[in-house]
């Protein structure tokens, strides 16, 4: 038996960088004890992982960090979101919980049963969700202490065609979707992202996926924490679903590096 999979990694950047690239959905790794509670057979689980995983986004962040003059910090989930989804709330009462996709998923992207009815989610919340949230909170606190500000860039991807679980799949699906928060996404941050990704045929706002990740400790409390979600339509850089990356990944990494460079200069601005 090999070593237990690493649940998450904080990859250091430059001491003076306020930027934290957050990569929550890039992994397909599911620990054996979690796999035992999933109803899908191996073939169906591979298919579901193809659809649900933001493939190659960890590599995208790593390439951008390497190319950035001031290296950002990276917080990378080492486990599949089929273990827990760190971007949900454990007591989420929002619409994704009704779709079977709260912090612990009960259904698949195609609305099939993932876990048995009545499965107790709390052990997974305690073992995986809370430690992740605490570590991400500490990472943001460290950027605040070191630089006076923290900029969380949430790195995601989404399929070209909507999947059945999507509640807003009928909306626009631009090459680059920018997810924003009214409190944590100031105009200068949105403008920097729009400029960095201008060469991909258009950016859109909050469709098909809105919002961005901010730790609960800081959410709607600390304006020094700014945040933006970058959702990349998968046909821009990979073969769907779950296939290899193409040359678009290199172009995206250069754009993300340009955004990181701009944010390293702009992060000290007071949020508007």
Protein backbone atom coordinates (compact mmCIF):
# COMPACT_ATOMS: atom_id res chain seq x y z
CA UNK A 1 0.00 0.00 0.00
CA UNK A 2 1.38 3.39 -1.03
CA UNK A 3 1.42 6.56 1.04
CA UNK A 4 -1.86 8.36 1.73
CA UNK A 5 -2.62 11.03 -0.88
CA UNK A 6 -1.74 14.58 0.09
CA UNK A 7 -5.04 16.42 0.70
CA UNK A 8 -3.76 19.87 -0.31
CA UNK A 9 -0.53 21.75 -0.95
CA UNK A 10 0.54 25.34 -0.32
CA UNK A 11 3.29 26.13 -2.82
CA UNK A 12 5.30 29.18 -1.76
CA UNK A 13 5.71 32.20 -3.98
CA UNK A 14 7.61 35.44 -3.52
CA UNK A 15 7.48 36.86 -0.01
CA UNK A 16 6.24 40.18 -1.40
CA UNK A 17 3.45 38.67 -3.51
CA UNK A 18 -0.16 39.20 -2.37
CA UNK A 19 -1.49 36.80 -5.01
CA UNK A 20 -2.79 33.34 -4.15
CA UNK A 21 -3.77 31.06 -7.04
CA UNK A 22 -6.44 28.72 -5.70
CA UNK A 23 -6.88 25.44 -7.62
CA UNK A 24 -9.65 23.44 -5.96
CA UNK A 25 -10.91 21.04 -8.64
CA UNK A 26 -7.89 19.78 -10.61
CA UNK A 27 -7.40 16.36 -8.98
CA UNK A 28 -8.98 12.97 -9.69
CA UNK A 29 -7.54 11.31 -6.55
CA UNK A 30 -10.05 9.59 -4.25
CA UNK A 31 -8.75 7.83 -1.11
CA UNK A 32 -9.75 4.16 -0.81
CA UNK A 33 -11.96 4.70 2.23
CA UNK A 34 -13.90 7.39 0.36
CA UNK A 35 -14.11 5.29 -2.81
CA UNK A 36 -15.82 2.58 -0.77
CA UNK A 37 -18.80 4.88 -0.19
CA UNK A 38 -19.29 5.76 -3.88
CA UNK A 39 -21.93 3.76 -5.74
CA UNK A 40 -20.43 4.04 -9.25
CA UNK A 41 -18.42 1.20 -10.74
CA UNK A 42 -14.87 1.96 -11.88
CA UNK A 43 -15.83 2.76 -15.47
CA UNK A 44 -18.67 5.07 -14.44
CA UNK A 45 -16.45 6.78 -11.87
CA UNK A 46 -13.81 7.46 -14.54
CA UNK A 47 -16.50 8.98 -16.75
CA UNK A 48 -17.77 11.14 -13.89
CA UNK A 49 -14.22 12.27 -13.10
CA UNK A 50 -13.77 13.28 -16.73
CA UNK A 51 -16.79 15.57 -16.46
CA UNK A 52 -16.34 16.97 -12.95
CA UNK A 53 -12.56 17.55 -12.88
CA UNK A 54 -11.07 20.87 -13.96
CA UNK A 55 -8.34 19.02 -15.80
CA UNK A 56 -4.90 20.61 -16.21
CA UNK A 57 -5.73 23.67 -14.07
CA UNK A 58 -2.99 22.79 -11.57
CA UNK A 59 -0.51 22.68 -14.44
CA UNK A 60 -1.88 25.98 -15.71
CA UNK A 61 -1.30 27.62 -12.32
CA UNK A 62 2.17 26.12 -12.04
CA UNK A 63 3.20 27.37 -15.47
CA UNK A 64 1.84 30.84 -14.75
CA UNK A 65 3.65 30.97 -11.42
CA UNK A 66 6.92 29.97 -13.05
CA UNK A 67 6.53 32.64 -15.74
CA UNK A 68 5.55 35.45 -13.35
CA UNK A 69 8.25 38.01 -12.44
CA UNK A 70 6.85 38.02 -8.89
CA UNK A 71 5.83 34.43 -8.22
CA UNK A 72 2.35 34.00 -6.74
CA UNK A 73 1.54 31.52 -4.01
CA UNK A 74 -0.49 28.46 -4.99
CA UNK A 75 -3.01 26.51 -2.94
CA UNK A 76 -3.82 23.26 -4.74
CA UNK A 77 -6.37 20.63 -3.76
CA UNK A 78 -4.76 17.18 -3.96
CA UNK A 79 -8.08 15.32 -3.87
CA UNK A 80 -11.05 15.06 -6.19
CA UNK A 81 -14.06 17.25 -5.50
CA UNK A 82 -15.93 13.93 -5.28
CA UNK A 83 -14.32 13.60 -1.82
CA UNK A 84 -15.52 17.03 -0.66
CA UNK A 85 -15.98 20.23 -2.57
CA UNK A 86 -14.00 22.84 -0.62
CA UNK A 87 -15.84 25.70 -2.31
CA UNK A 88 -19.22 24.80 -0.84
CA UNK A 89 -20.31 25.49 2.72
CA UNK A 90 -20.94 22.49 5.00
CA UNK A 91 -24.36 23.87 5.91
CA UNK A 92 -25.02 25.17 2.40
CA UNK A 93 -28.71 25.98 1.97
CA UNK A 94 -28.23 27.28 -1.53
CA UNK A 95 -29.41 25.75 -4.76
CA UNK A 96 -26.39 23.48 -5.29
CA UNK A 97 -27.35 21.52 -2.18
CA UNK A 98 -30.77 20.90 -3.72
CA UNK A 99 -28.98 19.59 -6.82
CA UNK A 100 -27.08 17.07 -4.71
CA UNK A 101 -23.85 19.03 -4.94
CA UNK A 102 -23.26 20.60 -1.55
CA UNK A 103 -19.98 20.14 0.29
CA UNK A 104 -20.37 16.36 -0.04
CA UNK A 105 -21.95 15.36 -3.34
CA UNK A 106 -24.86 12.92 -3.32
CA UNK A 107 -25.43 13.00 -7.09
CA UNK A 108 -23.34 13.13 -10.25
CA UNK A 109 -23.15 15.68 -13.04
CA UNK A 110 -25.86 13.63 -14.79
CA UNK A 111 -28.08 13.58 -11.67
CA UNK A 112 -27.42 9.93 -10.89
CA UNK A 113 -26.89 8.71 -7.34
CA UNK A 114 -23.26 9.04 -6.23
CA UNK A 115 -23.72 8.04 -2.59
CA UNK A 116 -26.44 6.04 -0.89
CA UNK A 117 -29.41 7.94 0.50
CA UNK A 118 -28.85 8.74 4.15
CA UNK A 119 -25.05 8.72 3.92
CA UNK A 120 -23.57 10.65 6.83
CA UNK A 121 -21.49 13.47 5.34
CA UNK A 122 -20.05 14.65 8.66
CA UNK A 123 -17.00 12.32 8.75
CA UNK A 124 -15.91 13.64 5.34
CA UNK A 125 -16.54 17.23 6.45
CA UNK A 126 -14.46 16.71 9.58
CA UNK A 127 -11.61 14.84 7.92
CA UNK A 128 -11.26 16.76 4.67
CA UNK A 129 -13.36 19.93 4.47
CA UNK A 130 -12.48 21.69 7.71
CA UNK A 131 -8.68 21.14 7.50
CA UNK A 132 -8.71 22.47 3.93
CA UNK A 133 -10.71 25.55 4.91
CA UNK A 134 -8.45 26.23 7.90
CA UNK A 135 -5.30 25.92 5.78
CA UNK A 136 -6.69 28.19 3.06
CA UNK A 137 -7.69 30.75 5.70
CA UNK A 138 -4.18 30.63 7.14
CA UNK A 139 -2.70 31.13 3.67
CA UNK A 140 -4.79 34.26 3.13
CA UNK A 141 -3.91 35.54 6.62
CA UNK A 142 -0.23 35.05 5.81
CA UNK A 143 -0.50 37.18 2.64
CA UNK A 144 -2.30 39.88 4.63
CA UNK A 145 0.39 39.85 7.30
CA UNK A 146 3.22 39.93 4.77
CA UNK A 147 1.88 42.43 2.23
CA UNK A 148 -1.20 44.12 3.71
CA UNK A 149 -3.50 42.60 1.08
CA UNK A 150 -4.46 39.26 -0.41
CA UNK A 151 -5.73 38.56 -3.94
CA UNK A 152 -7.35 35.15 -4.40
CA UNK A 153 -7.54 34.02 -8.01
CA UNK A 154 -9.80 30.98 -8.24
CA UNK A 155 -8.71 28.83 -11.24
CA UNK A 156 -11.42 26.66 -12.81
CA UNK A 157 -12.64 25.25 -16.09
CA UNK A 158 -16.05 24.28 -17.43
CA UNK A 159 -17.39 22.13 -20.28
CA UNK A 160 -18.28 23.55 -23.66
CA UNK A 161 -21.78 22.03 -23.51
CA UNK A 162 -23.84 22.29 -20.31
CA UNK A 163 -24.14 19.23 -18.10
CA UNK A 164 -27.47 18.20 -16.53
CA UNK A 165 -26.46 19.33 -13.02
CA UNK A 166 -25.94 22.95 -14.11
CA UNK A 167 -28.73 25.15 -12.85
CA UNK A 168 -27.89 28.06 -15.15
CA UNK A 169 -26.65 26.17 -18.18
CA UNK A 170 -28.85 28.06 -20.61
CA UNK A 171 -26.83 31.27 -20.19
CA UNK A 172 -23.79 32.44 -22.15
CA UNK A 173 -20.70 30.21 -22.21
CA UNK A 174 -17.85 32.56 -23.18
CA UNK A 175 -14.26 31.34 -23.62
CA UNK A 176 -13.42 33.01 -20.30
CA UNK A 177 -16.02 33.49 -17.58
CA UNK A 178 -15.08 35.86 -14.76
CA UNK A 179 -16.89 35.12 -11.51
CA UNK A 180 -17.23 38.11 -9.20
CA UNK A 181 -18.38 39.08 -5.74
CA UNK A 182 -19.92 42.50 -5.04
CA UNK A 183 -17.77 43.00 -1.94
CA UNK A 184 -14.48 41.33 -2.89
CA UNK A 185 -14.10 42.03 -6.64
CA UNK A 186 -13.15 45.69 -7.15
CA UNK A 187 -13.19 47.30 -10.62
CA UNK A 188 -9.40 47.36 -10.90
CA UNK A 189 -9.24 43.57 -10.42
CA UNK A 190 -11.93 42.93 -13.01
CA UNK A 191 -10.25 45.32 -15.45
CA UNK A 192 -6.89 43.60 -15.03
CA UNK A 193 -8.42 40.20 -15.78
CA UNK A 194 -10.31 41.51 -18.78
CA UNK A 195 -7.09 42.93 -20.20
CA UNK A 196 -5.03 39.80 -19.52
CA UNK A 197 -7.55 37.46 -21.18
CA UNK A 198 -8.67 39.78 -23.98
CA UNK A 199 -7.11 37.56 -26.67
CA UNK A 200 -9.39 34.55 -26.17
CA UNK A 201 -12.43 35.74 -28.07
CA UNK A 202 -14.30 37.37 -25.26
CA UNK A 203 -14.83 37.31 -21.53
CA UNK A 204 -18.18 37.21 -19.74
CA UNK A 205 -19.37 37.79 -16.20
CA UNK A 206 -20.91 35.20 -13.87
CA UNK A 207 -22.26 32.89 -16.58
CA UNK A 208 -22.46 29.97 -16.55
CA UNK A 209 -20.95 30.07 -13.03
CA UNK A 210 -21.08 33.09 -10.70
CA UNK A 211 -19.13 34.12 -7.62
CA UNK A 212 -15.66 33.43 -6.31
CA UNK A 213 -14.01 31.81 -3.30
CA UNK A 214 -13.18 33.76 -0.15
CA UNK A 215 -12.58 32.05 3.23
CA UNK A 216 -15.51 32.47 5.59
CA UNK A 217 -13.38 34.36 8.11
CA UNK A 218 -12.84 37.12 5.55
CA UNK A 219 -16.05 36.87 3.52
CA UNK A 220 -17.85 40.21 3.43
CA UNK A 221 -15.71 41.25 6.41
CA UNK A 222 -12.24 42.24 5.17
CA UNK A 223 -11.92 44.49 2.09
CA UNK A 224 -8.19 43.83 2.01
CA UNK A 225 -9.06 40.41 0.60
CA UNK A 226 -10.00 40.70 -3.06
CA UNK A 227 -11.01 37.76 -5.23
CA UNK A 228 -11.94 36.71 -8.73
CA UNK A 229 -12.89 33.37 -10.28
CA UNK A 230 -11.52 32.53 -13.71
CA UNK A 231 -13.56 29.83 -15.47
CA UNK A 232 -12.02 28.66 -18.74
CA UNK A 233 -14.17 26.90 -21.31
CA UNK A 234 -12.45 23.59 -21.86
CA UNK A 235 -12.40 23.61 -25.65
CA UNK A 236 -10.00 26.56 -25.36
CA UNK A 237 -7.21 24.32 -24.10
CA UNK A 238 -8.06 20.59 -23.98
CA UNK A 239 -9.90 17.68 -25.56
CA UNK A 240 -13.18 17.04 -23.79
CA UNK A 241 -14.12 15.32 -21.62
CA UNK A 242 -11.02 14.59 -19.58
CA UNK A 243 -8.58 14.45 -22.49
CA UNK A 244 -5.08 15.86 -22.90
CA UNK A 245 -4.21 19.52 -22.93
CA UNK A 246 -3.48 21.27 -26.22
CA UNK A 247 -1.44 24.33 -27.19
CA UNK A 248 -4.07 26.61 -25.67
CA UNK A 249 -2.70 25.77 -22.23
CA UNK A 250 0.53 27.61 -23.03
CA UNK A 251 -1.33 30.71 -24.18
CA UNK A 252 -3.54 30.62 -21.09
CA UNK A 253 -0.52 30.31 -18.81
CA UNK A 254 0.98 33.43 -20.38
CA UNK A 255 -2.29 35.32 -19.86
CA UNK A 256 -2.55 34.20 -16.24
CA UNK A 257 1.08 35.18 -15.65
CA UNK A 258 0.32 38.63 -17.09
CA UNK A 259 -2.62 38.96 -14.71
CA UNK A 260 -0.47 37.93 -11.74
CA UNK A 261 2.16 40.50 -12.72
CA UNK A 262 -0.47 43.25 -12.96
CA UNK A 263 -1.95 42.28 -9.60
CA UNK A 264 1.43 42.32 -7.92
CA UNK A 265 1.52 46.03 -8.78
CA UNK A 266 -2.17 46.85 -8.27
CA UNK A 267 -3.09 44.92 -5.13
CA UNK A 268 -2.30 47.78 -2.81
CA UNK A 269 -5.15 49.85 -4.14
CA UNK A 270 -8.10 50.33 -1.85
CA UNK A 271 -11.11 48.32 -3.09
CA UNK A 272 -13.70 50.45 -4.83
